Structures are given as C-alpha cells and as structure tokens.
C-alpha cells in the first residue's frame, strides 16, 4: 500500500513534485525533437506545427512520468 503514495524529488532542501520534473525534461526532449524535425524538413507535411509540438510534449511527459518517475 505504501507504493501508491506519490513520491517527491528532493534537490538539496527543496522538494519538487515528479510531474514538474518530468514536464521539464519533456520540454527539453521536445525541443530537441523539433530541431531534428526542422533539419529534415518534416514540418512541411504538418498542417499545424504548434499543435504537433504540444502533442509531442504531452507524449514525452506521460512516458517520462510513467517509466522514470512512477508514483
């Protein structure tokens, strides 16, 4: 039953929620993915690039919070 309790990540004396850290890592991964997509000119096949970028960020956030920082 103790595994179901959400855990916090301590950096120094400051406690951060896991979703905040995974969101920050997801934004970094999304920016790297967008740069790769721009170099191969993949965005010309997409009608709404900001929506695709937001979707990639959400996917990364869910994957990171599920597999790296499970609550």
PDB file of N, CA and C in Angstrom:
ATOM      1  N   UNK A   1       0.816  -1.187   0.000  1.00  0.00           N
ATOM      2  CA  UNK A   1       0.000   0.000   0.000  1.00  0.00           C
ATOM      3  C   UNK A   1       0.865   1.258   0.000  1.00  0.00           C
ATOM      4  N   UNK A   2       2.084   1.157   0.503  1.00  0.00           N
ATOM      5  CA  UNK A   2       2.961   2.326   0.533  1.00  0.00           C
ATOM      6  C   UNK A   2       3.473   2.705  -0.852  1.00  0.00           C
ATOM      7  N   UNK A   3       3.421   1.796  -1.829  1.00  0.00           N
ATOM      8  CA  UNK A   3       3.886   2.111  -3.173  1.00  0.00           C
ATOM      9  C   UNK A   3       2.936   3.044  -3.913  1.00  0.00           C
ATOM     10  N   UNK A   4       1.698   3.163  -3.451  1.00  0.00           N
ATOM     11  CA  UNK A   4       0.723   4.016  -4.117  1.00  0.00           C
ATOM     12  C   UNK A   4       0.817   5.476  -3.684  1.00  0.00           C
ATOM     13  N   UNK A   5       1.602   5.766  -2.664  1.00  0.00           N
ATOM     14  CA  UNK A   5       1.749   7.129  -2.182  1.00  0.00           C
ATOM     15  C   UNK A   5       2.690   7.886  -3.124  1.00  0.00           C
ATOM     16  N   UNK A   6       2.279   9.070  -3.620  1.00  0.00           N
ATOM     17  CA  UNK A   6       3.154   9.828  -4.508  1.00  0.00           C
ATOM     18  C   UNK A   6       4.467  10.210  -3.817  1.00  0.00           C
ATOM     19  N   UNK A   7       5.529  10.151  -4.568  1.00  0.00           N
ATOM     20  CA  UNK A   7       6.850  10.488  -4.034  1.00  0.00           C
ATOM     21  C   UNK A   7       7.270  11.858  -4.540  1.00  0.00           C
ATOM     22  N   UNK A   8       8.075  12.530  -3.759  1.00  0.00           N
ATOM     23  CA  UNK A   8       8.616  13.815  -4.169  1.00  0.00           C
ATOM     24  C   UNK A   8      10.105  13.663  -4.411  1.00  0.00           C
ATOM     25  N   UNK A   9      10.638  14.537  -5.261  1.00  0.00           N
ATOM     26  CA  UNK A   9      12.048  14.501  -5.604  1.00  0.00           C
ATOM     27  C   UNK A   9      12.725  15.644  -4.872  1.00  0.00           C
ATOM     28  N   UNK A  10      13.724  15.306  -4.083  1.00  0.00           N
ATOM     29  CA  UNK A  10      14.429  16.318  -3.296  1.00  0.00           C
ATOM     30  C   UNK A  10      15.710  16.719  -4.005  1.00  0.00           C
ATOM     31  N   UNK A  11      15.846  18.006  -4.250  1.00  0.00           N
ATOM     32  CA  UNK A  11      17.079  18.575  -4.785  1.00  0.00           C
ATOM     33  C   UNK A  11      17.558  19.576  -3.749  1.00  0.00           C
ATOM     34  N   UNK A  12      18.571  19.163  -3.022  1.00  0.00           N
ATOM     35  CA  UNK A  12      19.019  19.976  -1.901  1.00  0.00           C
ATOM     36  C   UNK A  12      17.991  19.907  -0.792  1.00  0.00           C
ATOM     37  N   UNK A  13      17.478  21.041  -0.374  1.00  0.00           N
ATOM     38  CA  UNK A  13      16.453  21.114   0.655  1.00  0.00           C
ATOM     39  C   UNK A  13      15.071  21.394   0.081  1.00  0.00           C
ATOM     40  N   UNK A  14      14.959  21.397  -1.240  1.00  0.00           N
ATOM     41  CA  UNK A  14      13.703  21.744  -1.897  1.00  0.00           C
ATOM     42  C   UNK A  14      13.075  20.479  -2.467  1.00  0.00           C
ATOM     43  N   UNK A  15      11.776  20.292  -2.214  1.00  0.00           N
ATOM     44  CA  UNK A  15      11.042  19.142  -2.719  1.00  0.00           C
ATOM     45  C   UNK A  15      10.230  19.543  -3.950  1.00  0.00           C
ATOM     46  N   UNK A  16      10.368  18.754  -5.018  1.00  0.00           N
ATOM     47  CA  UNK A  16       9.644  19.012  -6.258  1.00  0.00           C
ATOM     48  C   UNK A  16       8.704  17.848  -6.552  1.00  0.00           C
ATOM     49  N   UNK A  17       7.510  18.150  -7.090  1.00  0.00           N
ATOM     50  CA  UNK A  17       6.628  17.055  -7.500  1.00  0.00           C
ATOM     51  C   UNK A  17       7.185  16.366  -8.749  1.00  0.00           C
ATOM     52  N   UNK A  18       6.963  15.073  -8.883  1.00  0.00           N
ATOM     53  CA  UNK A  18       7.516  14.341 -10.028  1.00  0.00           C
ATOM     54  C   UNK A  18       6.992  14.824 -11.375  1.00  0.00           C
ATOM     55  N   UNK A  19       5.744  15.294 -11.417  1.00  0.00           N
ATOM     56  CA  UNK A  19       5.190  15.762 -12.684  1.00  0.00           C
ATOM     57  C   UNK A  19       5.892  17.034 -13.162  1.00  0.00           C
ATOM     58  N   UNK A  20       6.328  17.879 -12.248  1.00  0.00           N
ATOM     59  CA  UNK A  20       7.060  19.090 -12.625  1.00  0.00           C
ATOM     60  C   UNK A  20       8.406  18.731 -13.245  1.00  0.00           C
ATOM     61  N   UNK A  21       9.117  17.815 -12.634  1.00  0.00           N
ATOM     62  CA  UNK A  21      10.418  17.404 -13.163  1.00  0.00           C
ATOM     63  C   UNK A  21      10.256  16.695 -14.504  1.00  0.00           C
ATOM     64  N   UNK A  22       9.273  15.804 -14.614  1.00  0.00           N
ATOM     65  CA  UNK A  22       9.073  15.100 -15.882  1.00  0.00           C
ATOM     66  C   UNK A  22       8.599  16.057 -16.969  1.00  0.00           C
ATOM     67  N   UNK A  23       7.825  17.066 -16.619  1.00  0.00           N
ATOM     68  CA  UNK A  23       7.427  18.080 -17.598  1.00  0.00           C
ATOM     69  C   UNK A  23       8.600  18.898 -18.092  1.00  0.00           C
ATOM     70  N   UNK A  24       9.507  19.232 -17.193  1.00  0.00           N
ATOM     71  CA  UNK A  24      10.699  19.988 -17.585  1.00  0.00           C
ATOM     72  C   UNK A  24      11.588  19.160 -18.514  1.00  0.00           C
ATOM     73  N   UNK A  25      11.781  17.889 -18.188  1.00  0.00           N
ATOM     74  CA  UNK A  25      12.580  17.006 -19.043  1.00  0.00           C
ATOM     75  C   UNK A  25      11.888  16.804 -20.389  1.00  0.00           C
ATOM     76  N   UNK A  26      10.556  16.727 -20.372  1.00  0.00           N
ATOM     77  CA  UNK A  26       9.800  16.555 -21.615  1.00  0.00           C
ATOM     78  C   UNK A  26       9.926  17.774 -22.520  1.00  0.00           C
ATOM     79  N   UNK A  27       9.957  18.968 -21.944  1.00  0.00           N
ATOM     80  CA  UNK A  27      10.135  20.184 -22.755  1.00  0.00           C
ATOM     81  C   UNK A  27      11.505  20.174 -23.429  1.00  0.00           C
ATOM     82  N   UNK A  28      12.530  19.733 -22.711  1.00  0.00           N
ATOM     83  CA  UNK A  28      13.865  19.648 -23.295  1.00  0.00           C
ATOM     84  C   UNK A  28      13.894  18.621 -24.423  1.00  0.00           C
ATOM     85  N   UNK A  29      13.297  17.449 -24.190  1.00  0.00           N
ATOM     86  CA  UNK A  29      13.248  16.416 -25.229  1.00  0.00           C
ATOM     87  C   UNK A  29      12.428  16.877 -26.432  1.00  0.00           C
ATOM     88  N   UNK A  30      11.360  17.608 -26.186  1.00  0.00           N
ATOM     89  CA  UNK A  30      10.534  18.118 -27.278  1.00  0.00           C
ATOM     90  C   UNK A  30      11.296  19.128 -28.115  1.00  0.00           C
ATOM     91  N   UNK A  31      12.053  20.000 -27.481  1.00  0.00           N
ATOM     92  CA  UNK A  31      12.810  20.984 -28.248  1.00  0.00           C
ATOM     93  C   UNK A  31      13.878  20.305 -29.103  1.00  0.00           C
ATOM     94  N   UNK A  32      14.495  19.248 -28.578  1.00  0.00           N
ATOM     95  CA  UNK A  32      15.469  18.503 -29.383  1.00  0.00           C
ATOM     96  C   UNK A  32      14.793  17.784 -30.547  1.00  0.00           C
ATOM     97  N   UNK A  33      13.625  17.225 -30.309  1.00  0.00           N
ATOM     98  CA  UNK A  33      12.887  16.541 -31.375  1.00  0.00           C
ATOM     99  C   UNK A  33      12.443  17.522 -32.455  1.00  0.00           C
ATOM    100  N   UNK A  34      11.994  18.697 -32.051  1.00  0.00           N
ATOM    101  CA  UNK A  34      11.560  19.709 -33.019  1.00  0.00           C
ATOM    102  C   UNK A  34      12.735  20.182 -33.856  1.00  0.00           C
ATOM    103  N   UNK A  35      13.895  20.319 -33.250  1.00  0.00           N
ATOM    104  CA  UNK A  35      15.083  20.709 -34.030  1.00  0.00           C
ATOM    105  C   UNK A  35      15.436  19.651 -35.060  1.00  0.00           C
ATOM    106  N   UNK A  36      15.326  18.387 -34.675  1.00  0.00           N
ATOM    107  CA  UNK A  36      15.598  17.307 -35.629  1.00  0.00           C
ATOM    108  C   UNK A  36      14.563  17.324 -36.752  1.00  0.00           C
ATOM    109  N   UNK A  37      13.298  17.518 -36.400  1.00  0.00           N
ATOM    110  CA  UNK A  37      12.255  17.585 -37.427  1.00  0.00           C
ATOM    111  C   UNK A  37      12.457  18.772 -38.360  1.00  0.00           C
ATOM    112  N   UNK A  38      12.961  19.884 -37.853  1.00  0.00           N
ATOM    113  CA  UNK A  38      13.209  21.046 -38.700  1.00  0.00           C
ATOM    114  C   UNK A  38      14.382  20.821 -39.640  1.00  0.00           C
ATOM    115  N   UNK A  39      15.383  20.077 -39.196  1.00  0.00           N
ATOM    116  CA  UNK A  39      16.536  19.839 -40.076  1.00  0.00           C
ATOM    117  C   UNK A  39      16.189  18.896 -41.220  1.00  0.00           C
ATOM    118  N   UNK A  40      15.297  17.950 -40.978  1.00  0.00           N
ATOM    119  CA  UNK A  40      14.884  17.047 -42.058  1.00  0.00           C
ATOM    120  C   UNK A  40      13.653  17.568 -42.791  1.00  0.00           C
ATOM    121  N   UNK A  41      13.212  18.779 -42.444  1.00  0.00           N
ATOM    122  CA  UNK A  41      12.075  19.471 -43.062  1.00  0.00           C
ATOM    123  C   UNK A  41      10.802  18.619 -43.030  1.00  0.00           C
ATOM    124  N   UNK A  42      10.550  18.007 -41.881  1.00  0.00           N
ATOM    125  CA  UNK A  42       9.365  17.182 -41.687  1.00  0.00           C
ATOM    126  C   UNK A  42       8.123  18.032 -41.453  1.00  0.00           C
ATOM    127  N   UNK A  43       8.298  19.239 -40.966  1.00  0.00           N
ATOM    128  CA  UNK A  43       7.153  20.084 -40.620  1.00  0.00           C
ATOM    129  C   UNK A  43       6.399  20.613 -41.834  1.00  0.00           C
ATOM    130  N   UNK A  44       6.941  20.490 -43.018  1.00  0.00           N
ATOM    131  CA  UNK A  44       6.178  20.955 -44.180  1.00  0.00           C
ATOM    132  C   UNK A  44       5.018  20.021 -44.507  1.00  0.00           C
ATOM    133  N   UNK A  45       5.016  18.809 -43.918  1.00  0.00           N
ATOM    134  CA  UNK A  45       3.922  17.859 -44.122  1.00  0.00           C
ATOM    135  C   UNK A  45       2.854  17.965 -43.037  1.00  0.00           C
ATOM    136  N   UNK A  46       3.030  18.891 -42.096  1.00  0.00           N
ATOM    137  CA  UNK A  46       2.110  19.039 -40.975  1.00  0.00           C
ATOM    138  C   UNK A  46       1.331  20.337 -41.165  1.00  0.00           C
ATOM    139  N   UNK A  47       0.021  20.280 -40.930  1.00  0.00           N
ATOM    140  CA  UNK A  47      -0.794  21.478 -41.139  1.00  0.00           C
ATOM    141  C   UNK A  47      -0.710  22.452 -39.964  1.00  0.00           C
ATOM    142  N   UNK A  48      -0.490  21.948 -38.733  1.00  0.00           N
ATOM    143  CA  UNK A  48      -0.452  22.808 -37.562  1.00  0.00           C
ATOM    144  C   UNK A  48       0.745  22.420 -36.675  1.00  0.00           C
ATOM    145  N   UNK A  49       1.939  22.969 -36.946  1.00  0.00           N
ATOM    146  CA  UNK A  49       3.132  22.578 -36.192  1.00  0.00           C
ATOM    147  C   UNK A  49       3.079  22.846 -34.690  1.00  0.00           C
ATOM    148  N   UNK A  50       2.484  23.946 -34.204  1.00  0.00           N
ATOM    149  CA  UNK A  50       2.426  24.115 -32.747  1.00  0.00           C
ATOM    150  C   UNK A  50       1.604  23.034 -32.044  1.00  0.00           C
ATOM    151  N   UNK A  51       0.546  22.569 -32.689  1.00  0.00           N
ATOM    152  CA  UNK A  51      -0.264  21.504 -32.108  1.00  0.00           C
ATOM    153  C   UNK A  51       0.522  20.188 -32.059  1.00  0.00           C
ATOM    154  N   UNK A  52       1.312  19.931 -33.084  1.00  0.00           N
ATOM    155  CA  UNK A  52       2.155  18.736 -33.092  1.00  0.00           C
ATOM    156  C   UNK A  52       3.223  18.839 -32.004  1.00  0.00           C
ATOM    157  N   UNK A  53       3.793  20.007 -31.829  1.00  0.00           N
ATOM    158  CA  UNK A  53       4.798  20.203 -30.790  1.00  0.00           C
ATOM    159  C   UNK A  53       4.196  20.002 -29.388  1.00  0.00           C
ATOM    160  N   UNK A  54       2.990  20.510 -29.178  1.00  0.00           N
ATOM    161  CA  UNK A  54       2.303  20.303 -27.902  1.00  0.00           C
ATOM    162  C   UNK A  54       1.998  18.825 -27.674  1.00  0.00           C
ATOM    163  N   UNK A  55       1.585  18.143 -28.723  1.00  0.00           N
ATOM    164  CA  UNK A  55       1.281  16.720 -28.606  1.00  0.00           C
ATOM    165  C   UNK A  55       2.523  15.906 -28.275  1.00  0.00           C
ATOM    166  N   UNK A  56       3.633  16.240 -28.883  1.00  0.00           N
ATOM    167  CA  UNK A  56       4.891  15.552 -28.583  1.00  0.00           C
ATOM    168  C   UNK A  56       5.303  15.804 -27.141  1.00  0.00           C
ATOM    169  N   UNK A  57       5.109  17.020 -26.654  1.00  0.00           N
ATOM    170  CA  UNK A  57       5.447  17.334 -25.265  1.00  0.00           C
ATOM    171  C   UNK A  57       4.581  16.539 -24.294  1.00  0.00           C
ATOM    172  N   UNK A  58       3.302  16.403 -24.605  1.00  0.00           N
ATOM    173  CA  UNK A  58       2.411  15.624 -23.736  1.00  0.00           C
ATOM    174  C   UNK A  58       2.805  14.153 -23.753  1.00  0.00           C
ATOM    175  N   UNK A  59       3.127  13.627 -24.921  1.00  0.00           N
ATOM    176  CA  UNK A  59       3.542  12.225 -25.017  1.00  0.00           C
ATOM    177  C   UNK A  59       4.817  11.988 -24.218  1.00  0.00           C
ATOM    178  N   UNK A  60       5.799  12.869 -24.352  1.00  0.00           N
ATOM    179  CA  UNK A  60       7.035  12.732 -23.578  1.00  0.00           C
ATOM    180  C   UNK A  60       6.760  12.827 -22.079  1.00  0.00           C
ATOM    181  N   UNK A  61       5.892  13.742 -21.672  1.00  0.00           N
ATOM    182  CA  UNK A  61       5.578  13.898 -20.250  1.00  0.00           C
ATOM    183  C   UNK A  61       4.954  12.632 -19.684  1.00  0.00           C
ATOM    184  N   UNK A  62       4.021  12.058 -20.407  1.00  0.00           N
ATOM    185  CA  UNK A  62       3.375  10.833 -19.939  1.00  0.00           C
ATOM    186  C   UNK A  62       4.361   9.682 -19.875  1.00  0.00           C
ATOM    187  N   UNK A  63       5.204   9.539 -20.891  1.00  0.00           N
ATOM    188  CA  UNK A  63       6.176   8.447 -20.892  1.00  0.00           C
ATOM    189  C   UNK A  63       7.206   8.593 -19.779  1.00  0.00           C
ATOM    190  N   UNK A  64       7.695   9.801 -19.577  1.00  0.00           N
ATOM    191  CA  UNK A  64       8.700  10.023 -18.531  1.00  0.00           C
ATOM    192  C   UNK A  64       8.088   9.843 -17.150  1.00  0.00           C
ATOM    193  N   UNK A  65       6.879  10.374 -16.945  1.00  0.00           N
ATOM    194  CA  UNK A  65       6.270  10.235 -15.623  1.00  0.00           C
ATOM    195  C   UNK A  65       5.821   8.807 -15.347  1.00  0.00           C
ATOM    196  N   UNK A  66       5.587   8.020 -16.381  1.00  0.00           N
ATOM    197  CA  UNK A  66       5.185   6.626 -16.170  1.00  0.00           C
ATOM    198  C   UNK A  66       6.368   5.720 -15.919  1.00  0.00           C
ATOM    199  N   UNK A  67       7.430   5.865 -16.689  1.00  0.00           N
ATOM    200  CA  UNK A  67       8.523   4.911 -16.640  1.00  0.00           C
ATOM    201  C   UNK A  67       9.729   5.367 -15.818  1.00  0.00           C
ATOM    202  N   UNK A  68       9.975   6.655 -15.714  1.00  0.00           N
ATOM    203  CA  UNK A  68      11.155   7.132 -14.968  1.00  0.00           C
ATOM    204  C   UNK A  68      10.798   7.545 -13.550  1.00  0.00           C
ATOM    205  N   UNK A  69       9.703   8.302 -13.386  1.00  0.00           N
ATOM    206  CA  UNK A  69       9.273   8.760 -12.064  1.00  0.00           C
ATOM    207  C   UNK A  69       7.903   8.182 -11.725  1.00  0.00           C
ATOM    208  N   UNK A  70       7.769   6.885 -11.557  1.00  0.00           N
ATOM    209  CA  UNK A  70       6.443   6.344 -11.235  1.00  0.00           C
ATOM    210  C   UNK A  70       6.014   6.752  -9.831  1.00  0.00           C
ATOM    211  N   UNK A  71       4.764   7.086  -9.701  1.00  0.00           N
ATOM    212  CA  UNK A  71       4.245   7.492  -8.394  1.00  0.00           C
ATOM    213  C   UNK A  71       3.784   6.304  -7.591  1.00  0.00           C
TER     214      UNK A  71
END
